[in-house]
Structure formats: structure tokens, C-alpha cells
PDB file of N, CA and C in Angstrom:
ATOM      1  N   MET A   1      95.757 143.834-124.510  1.00  0.00           N
ATOM      2  CA  MET A   1      95.549 144.945-125.440  1.00  0.00           C
ATOM      3  C   MET A   1      96.873 146.235-125.841  1.00  0.00           C
ATOM      4  N   ALA A   2      97.703 145.394-125.304  1.00  0.00           N
ATOM      5  CA  ALA A   2      98.810 145.796-125.845  1.00  0.00           C
ATOM      6  C   ALA A   2      99.867 145.061-127.356  1.00  0.00           C
ATOM      7  N   LYS A   3      99.085 143.842-127.202  1.00  0.00           N
ATOM      8  CA  LYS A   3      99.243 142.775-128.832  1.00  0.00           C
ATOM      9  C   LYS A   3      98.355 143.502-129.513  1.00  0.00           C
ATOM     10  N   ALA A   4      97.503 143.870-129.400  1.00  0.00           N
ATOM     11  CA  ALA A   4      96.614 144.121-130.391  1.00  0.00           C
ATOM     12  C   ALA A   4      96.943 145.230-131.337  1.00  0.00           C
ATOM     13  N   LEU A   5      97.676 146.302-130.323  1.00  0.00           N
ATOM     14  CA  LEU A   5      98.560 147.703-131.259  1.00  0.00           C
ATOM     15  C   LEU A   5      99.230 147.137-131.100  1.00  0.00           C
ATOM     16  N   PHE A   6     100.075 146.430-130.866  1.00  0.00           N
ATOM     17  CA  PHE A   6     101.271 146.225-131.679  1.00  0.00           C
ATOM     18  C   PHE A   6     101.055 145.808-132.661  1.00  0.00           C
ATOM     19  N   GLY A   7     100.594 144.912-133.136  1.00  0.00           N
ATOM     20  CA  GLY A   7      99.923 144.756-134.399  1.00  0.00           C
ATOM     21  C   GLY A   7      99.663 146.224-135.601  1.00  0.00           C
ATOM     22  N   HIS A   8      99.353 146.755-135.063  1.00  0.00           N
ATOM     23  CA  HIS A   8      98.923 148.079-136.169  1.00  0.00           C
ATOM     24  C   HIS A   8      99.952 149.357-135.807  1.00  0.00           C
ATOM     25  N   VAL A   9     100.852 149.440-135.148  1.00  0.00           N
ATOM     26  CA  VAL A   9     101.937 150.051-134.731  1.00  0.00           C
ATOM     27  C   VAL A   9     103.390 148.903-135.072  1.00  0.00           C
ATOM     28  N   VAL A  10     103.633 149.404-136.251  1.00  0.00           N
ATOM     29  CA  VAL A  10     105.501 148.172-136.704  1.00  0.00           C
ATOM     30  C   VAL A  10     105.867 149.480-136.816  1.00  0.00           C
ATOM     31  N   ALA A  11     107.441 149.348-136.364  1.00  0.00           N
ATOM     32  CA  ALA A  11     108.916 150.035-136.318  1.00  0.00           C
ATOM     33  C   ALA A  11     108.932 149.873-138.165  1.00  0.00           C
ATOM     34  N   PRO A  12     108.909 150.955-138.563  1.00  0.00           N
ATOM     35  CA  PRO A  12     109.773 151.386-140.144  1.00  0.00           C
ATOM     36  C   PRO A  12     111.201 150.331-140.837  1.00  0.00           C
ATOM     37  N   ALA A  13     111.472 150.433-139.379  1.00  0.00           N
ATOM     38  CA  ALA A  13     112.490 148.738-140.334  1.00  0.00           C
ATOM     39  C   ALA A  13     111.639 147.385-140.168  1.00  0.00           C
ATOM     40  N   GLU A  14     110.998 147.753-139.357  1.00  0.00           N
ATOM     41  CA  GLU A  14     109.738 146.454-139.840  1.00  0.00           C
ATOM     42  C   GLU A  14     109.362 146.469-140.743  1.00  0.00           C
ATOM     43  N   LEU A  15     108.800 147.742-141.627  1.00  0.00           N
ATOM     44  CA  LEU A  15     108.135 147.566-142.497  1.00  0.00           C
ATOM     45  C   LEU A  15     108.818 147.686-144.088  1.00  0.00           C
ATOM     46  N   ARG A  16     110.437 147.740-143.611  1.00  0.00           N
ATOM     47  CA  ARG A  16     111.478 147.085-145.155  1.00  0.00           C
ATOM     48  C   ARG A  16     111.108 146.544-144.963  1.00  0.00           C
ATOM     49  N   LEU A  17     111.868 146.180-144.027  1.00  0.00           N
ATOM     50  CA  LEU A  17     111.591 144.358-143.857  1.00  0.00           C
ATOM     51  C   LEU A  17     110.556 143.008-144.785  1.00  0.00           C
ATOM     52  N   VAL A  18     109.235 143.930-144.476  1.00  0.00           N
ATOM     53  CA  VAL A  18     108.321 143.218-145.073  1.00  0.00           C
ATOM     54  C   VAL A  18     108.154 143.634-146.794  1.00  0.00           C
ATOM     55  N   GLU A  19     108.697 144.737-146.887  1.00  0.00           N
ATOM     56  CA  GLU A  19     108.516 145.490-148.326  1.00  0.00           C
ATOM     57  C   GLU A  19     109.317 144.862-149.312  1.00  0.00           C
ATOM     58  N   GLU A  20     111.019 144.852-148.528  1.00  0.00           N
ATOM     59  CA  GLU A  20     111.858 143.926-148.946  1.00  0.00           C
ATOM     60  C   GLU A  20     111.673 142.871-149.329  1.00  0.00           C
ATOM     61  N   ASN A  21     111.245 141.425-147.580  1.00  0.00           N
ATOM     62  CA  ASN A  21     110.866 140.671-148.572  1.00  0.00           C
ATOM     63  C   ASN A  21     110.386 140.405-149.386  1.00  0.00           C
ATOM     64  N   ALA A  22     108.519 141.331-149.956  1.00  0.00           N
ATOM     65  CA  ALA A  22     108.073 140.576-150.686  1.00  0.00           C
ATOM     66  C   ALA A  22     108.485 141.702-152.365  1.00  0.00           C
ATOM     67  N   VAL A  23     109.696 142.110-152.028  1.00  0.00           N
ATOM     68  CA  VAL A  23     109.867 142.380-153.559  1.00  0.00           C
ATOM     69  C   VAL A  23     111.081 140.698-154.219  1.00  0.00           C
ATOM     70  N   LEU A  24     112.041 141.075-152.834  1.00  0.00           N
ATOM     71  CA  LEU A  24     112.970 139.459-153.355  1.00  0.00           C
ATOM     72  C   LEU A  24     112.387 138.215-153.878  1.00  0.00           C
ATOM     73  N   ARG A  25     110.465 137.890-152.946  1.00  0.00           N
ATOM     74  CA  ARG A  25     109.816 136.966-153.250  1.00  0.00           C
ATOM     75  C   ARG A  25     109.234 137.111-154.887  1.00  0.00           C
ATOM     76  N   GLY A  26     108.770 138.209-155.209  1.00  0.00           N
ATOM     77  CA  GLY A  26     108.282 138.539-156.880  1.00  0.00           C
ATOM     78  C   GLY A  26     109.787 138.071-157.573  1.00  0.00           C
ATOM     79  N   LYS A  27     110.834 138.911-157.107  1.00  0.00           N
ATOM     80  CA  LYS A  27     111.918 138.229-158.306  1.00  0.00           C
ATOM     81  C   LYS A  27     112.861 136.805-157.777  1.00  0.00           C
ATOM     82  N   VAL A  28     111.977 135.896-156.739  1.00  0.00           N
ATOM     83  CA  VAL A  28     112.427 134.790-156.718  1.00  0.00           C
ATOM     84  C   VAL A  28     111.608 134.049-157.882  1.00  0.00           C
ATOM     85  N   ARG A  29     110.391 133.982-157.924  1.00  0.00           N
ATOM     86  CA  ARG A  29     109.164 133.980-158.828  1.00  0.00           C
ATOM     87  C   ARG A  29     108.986 134.767-160.054  1.00  0.00           C
ATOM     88  N   ARG A  30     109.626 135.939-160.704  1.00  0.00           N
ATOM     89  CA  ARG A  30     110.172 135.655-161.823  1.00  0.00           C
ATOM     90  C   ARG A  30     110.937 134.903-162.446  1.00  0.00           C
ATOM     91  N   LEU A  31     112.506 134.495-161.449  1.00  0.00           N
ATOM     92  CA  LEU A  31     113.334 133.835-162.290  1.00  0.00           C
ATOM     93  C   LEU A  31     113.380 132.393-162.300  1.00  0.00           C
ATOM     94  N   GLU A  32     112.526 131.805-161.449  1.00  0.00           N
ATOM     95  CA  GLU A  32     111.301 129.597-161.611  1.00  0.00           C
ATOM     96  C   GLU A  32     110.769 129.581-163.084  1.00  0.00           C
ATOM     97  N   GLN A  33     110.085 131.216-163.347  1.00  0.00           N
ATOM     98  CA  GLN A  33     109.048 130.962-164.026  1.00  0.00           C
ATOM     99  C   GLN A  33     110.238 131.327-165.824  1.00  0.00           C
ATOM    100  N   GLU A  34     111.501 132.137-165.482  1.00  0.00           N
ATOM    101  CA  GLU A  34     111.842 132.089-166.620  1.00  0.00           C
ATOM    102  C   GLU A  34     113.212 130.996-166.641  1.00  0.00           C
ATOM    103  N   LEU A  35     113.427 130.469-165.488  1.00  0.00           N
ATOM    104  CA  LEU A  35     114.409 129.334-165.446  1.00  0.00           C
ATOM    105  C   LEU A  35     113.797 127.269-166.214  1.00  0.00           C
ATOM    106  N   GLU A  36     112.012 128.125-165.953  1.00  0.00           N
ATOM    107  CA  GLU A  36     111.174 126.657-165.941  1.00  0.00           C
ATOM    108  C   GLU A  36     110.792 126.882-168.254  1.00  0.00           C
ATOM    109  N   GLU A  37     111.393 128.811-168.420  1.00  0.00           N
ATOM    110  CA  GLU A  37     110.997 128.630-169.453  1.00  0.00           C
ATOM    111  C   GLU A  37     111.863 127.733-170.514  1.00  0.00           C
ATOM    112  N   LEU A  38     113.242 128.328-169.307  1.00  0.00           N
ATOM    113  CA  LEU A  38     114.348 127.688-170.428  1.00  0.00           C
ATOM    114  C   LEU A  38     114.802 126.342-170.460  1.00  0.00           C
ATOM    115  N   ARG A  39     114.448 125.867-169.399  1.00  0.00           N
ATOM    116  CA  ARG A  39     114.206 124.048-168.829  1.00  0.00           C
ATOM    117  C   ARG A  39     113.387 123.891-170.014  1.00  0.00           C
ATOM    118  N   ALA A  40     112.021 124.116-170.860  1.00  0.00           N
ATOM    119  CA  ALA A  40     111.339 124.488-171.198  1.00  0.00           C
ATOM    120  C   ALA A  40     111.762 124.086-172.857  1.00  0.00           C
ATOM    121  N   GLN A  41     112.642 125.153-173.282  1.00  0.00           N
ATOM    122  CA  GLN A  41     113.571 125.354-174.417  1.00  0.00           C
ATOM    123  C   GLN A  41     114.276 124.229-174.595  1.00  0.00           C
ATOM    124  N   ARG A  42     114.808 123.813-174.083  1.00  0.00           N
ATOM    125  CA  ARG A  42     116.835 122.794-173.702  1.00  0.00           C
ATOM    126  C   ARG A  42     116.368 121.702-174.307  1.00  0.00           C
ATOM    127  N   ASP A  43     114.858 121.068-173.650  1.00  0.00           N
ATOM    128  CA  ASP A  43     114.225 119.926-173.843  1.00  0.00           C
ATOM    129  C   ASP A  43     113.035 120.057-174.805  1.00  0.00           C
ATOM    130  N   ALA A  44     112.898 121.597-175.836  1.00  0.00           N
ATOM    131  CA  ALA A  44     113.025 120.789-177.116  1.00  0.00           C
ATOM    132  C   ALA A  44     114.149 121.033-178.032  1.00  0.00           C
ATOM    133  N   ALA A  45     115.195 121.700-177.624  1.00  0.00           N
ATOM    134  CA  ALA A  45     116.041 121.740-178.556  1.00  0.00           C
ATOM    135  C   ALA A  45     116.347 120.357-179.106  1.00  0.00           C
ATOM    136  N   ILE A  46     116.931 119.628-177.393  1.00  0.00           N
ATOM    137  CA  ILE A  46     117.364 118.177-176.939  1.00  0.00           C
ATOM    138  C   ILE A  46     116.572 117.414-177.909  1.00  0.00           C
ATOM    139  N   ALA A  47     114.881 117.443-178.069  1.00  0.00           N
ATOM    140  CA  ALA A  47     114.116 116.965-178.454  1.00  0.00           C
ATOM    141  C   ALA A  47     114.447 116.939-180.441  1.00  0.00           C
ATOM    142  N   HIS A  48     114.339 117.804-180.478  1.00  0.00           N
ATOM    143  CA  HIS A  48     114.626 118.296-182.197  1.00  0.00           C
ATOM    144  C   HIS A  48     115.849 117.507-182.553  1.00  0.00           C
ATOM    145  N   GLU A  49     117.508 117.901-181.295  1.00  0.00           N
ATOM    146  CA  GLU A  49     117.862 117.753-182.105  1.00  0.00           C
ATOM    147  C   GLU A  49     117.756 115.403-182.204  1.00  0.00           C
ATOM    148  N   LEU A  50     117.358 115.243-181.408  1.00  0.00           N
ATOM    149  CA  LEU A  50     117.438 114.046-181.723  1.00  0.00           C
ATOM    150  C   LEU A  50     116.536 112.938-183.186  1.00  0.00           C
ATOM    151  N   LEU A  51     115.629 113.872-182.913  1.00  0.00           N
ATOM    152  CA  LEU A  51     114.514 113.395-183.741  1.00  0.00           C
ATOM    153  C   LEU A  51     115.142 113.863-185.477  1.00  0.00           C
ATOM    154  N   SER A  52     116.288 115.346-185.676  1.00  0.00           N
ATOM    155  CA  SER A  52     117.317 115.117-186.984  1.00  0.00           C
ATOM    156  C   SER A  52     118.289 113.935-187.550  1.00  0.00           C
ATOM    157  N   LEU A  53     118.185 113.476-186.206  1.00  0.00           N
ATOM    158  CA  LEU A  53     120.048 112.394-185.811  1.00  0.00           C
ATOM    159  C   LEU A  53     119.339 111.045-186.143  1.00  0.00           C
ATOM    160  N   THR A  54     117.532 110.712-186.062  1.00  0.00           N
ATOM    161  CA  THR A  54     117.714 109.714-186.515  1.00  0.00           C
ATOM    162  C   THR A  54     116.711 109.622-187.692  1.00  0.00           C
ATOM    163  N   GLY A  55     115.843 111.126-188.284  1.00  0.00           N
ATOM    164  CA  GLY A  55     116.192 111.349-190.073  1.00  0.00           C
ATOM    165  C   GLY A  55     114.363 110.773-189.274  1.00  0.00           C
ATOM    166  N   ASP A  56     113.569 110.747-188.422  1.00  0.00           N
ATOM    167  CA  ASP A  56     112.315 110.993-188.679  1.00  0.00           C
ATOM    168  C   ASP A  56     111.701 111.815-188.790  1.00  0.00           C
ATOM    169  N   ASN A  57     110.772 111.899-188.635  1.00  0.00           N
ATOM    170  CA  ASN A  57     109.412 113.219-188.822  1.00  0.00           C
ATOM    171  C   ASN A  57     108.720 113.657-187.295  1.00  0.00           C
ATOM    172  N   GLU A  58     108.584 111.941-186.970  1.00  0.00           N
ATOM    173  CA  GLU A  58     107.749 111.910-185.740  1.00  0.00           C
ATOM    174  C   GLU A  58     108.439 111.090-184.390  1.00  0.00           C
ATOM    175  N   PRO A  59     108.008 112.069-183.708  1.00  0.00           N
ATOM    176  CA  PRO A  59     108.555 110.478-181.795  1.00  0.00           C
ATOM    177  C   PRO A  59     108.243 109.152-182.032  1.00  0.00           C
ATOM    178  N   ALA A  60     109.320 108.801-181.790  1.00  0.00           N
ATOM    179  CA  ALA A  60     109.108 106.876-182.662  1.00  0.00           C
ATOM    180  C   ALA A  60     108.190 106.960-181.413  1.00  0.00           C
ATOM    181  N   LEU A  61     107.479 106.797-179.895  1.00  0.00           N
ATOM    182  CA  LEU A  61     107.113 106.710-179.365  1.00  0.00           C
ATOM    183  C   LEU A  61     105.252 107.780-179.751  1.00  0.00           C
ATOM    184  N   ALA A  62     105.451 107.947-180.775  1.00  0.00           N
ATOM    185  CA  ALA A  62     103.875 108.357-180.830  1.00  0.00           C
ATOM    186  C   ALA A  62     102.607 108.258-181.593  1.00  0.00           C
TER     187      ALA A  62
END
């Protein structure tokens, strides 16, 4: 019975911890998305630079 009640009665410090954890997980998710976008932009810029160096308008393996 005590274990069942403990699940419903949580100390305020624990609630803050859970909330902070959720906020931090959200920040990490946004930073991971931003990193993925930056990597895609970097890869596109490298591909563009390589194509401009070869003088071709099409990729060599296409």
C-alpha cells in the first residue's frame, strides 16, 4: 500500500527534477536537430565546391 501511495505523493524537489529533466531533453533534441541541419548545409557546400572545382554541372557518379 505504501508503494502505491508513494507513486501519487511525490516530493516537490522530485517534481522539479522531473520538470528540469524534461526541459533539458527538449533542449538536447533541438540541438541535435540544429546539428543535423548544419551538417547537411556543410555537406551541400562541400559538394558544391567540389563540383565547381571540376567544372561539371552534374555529379560524376550520377
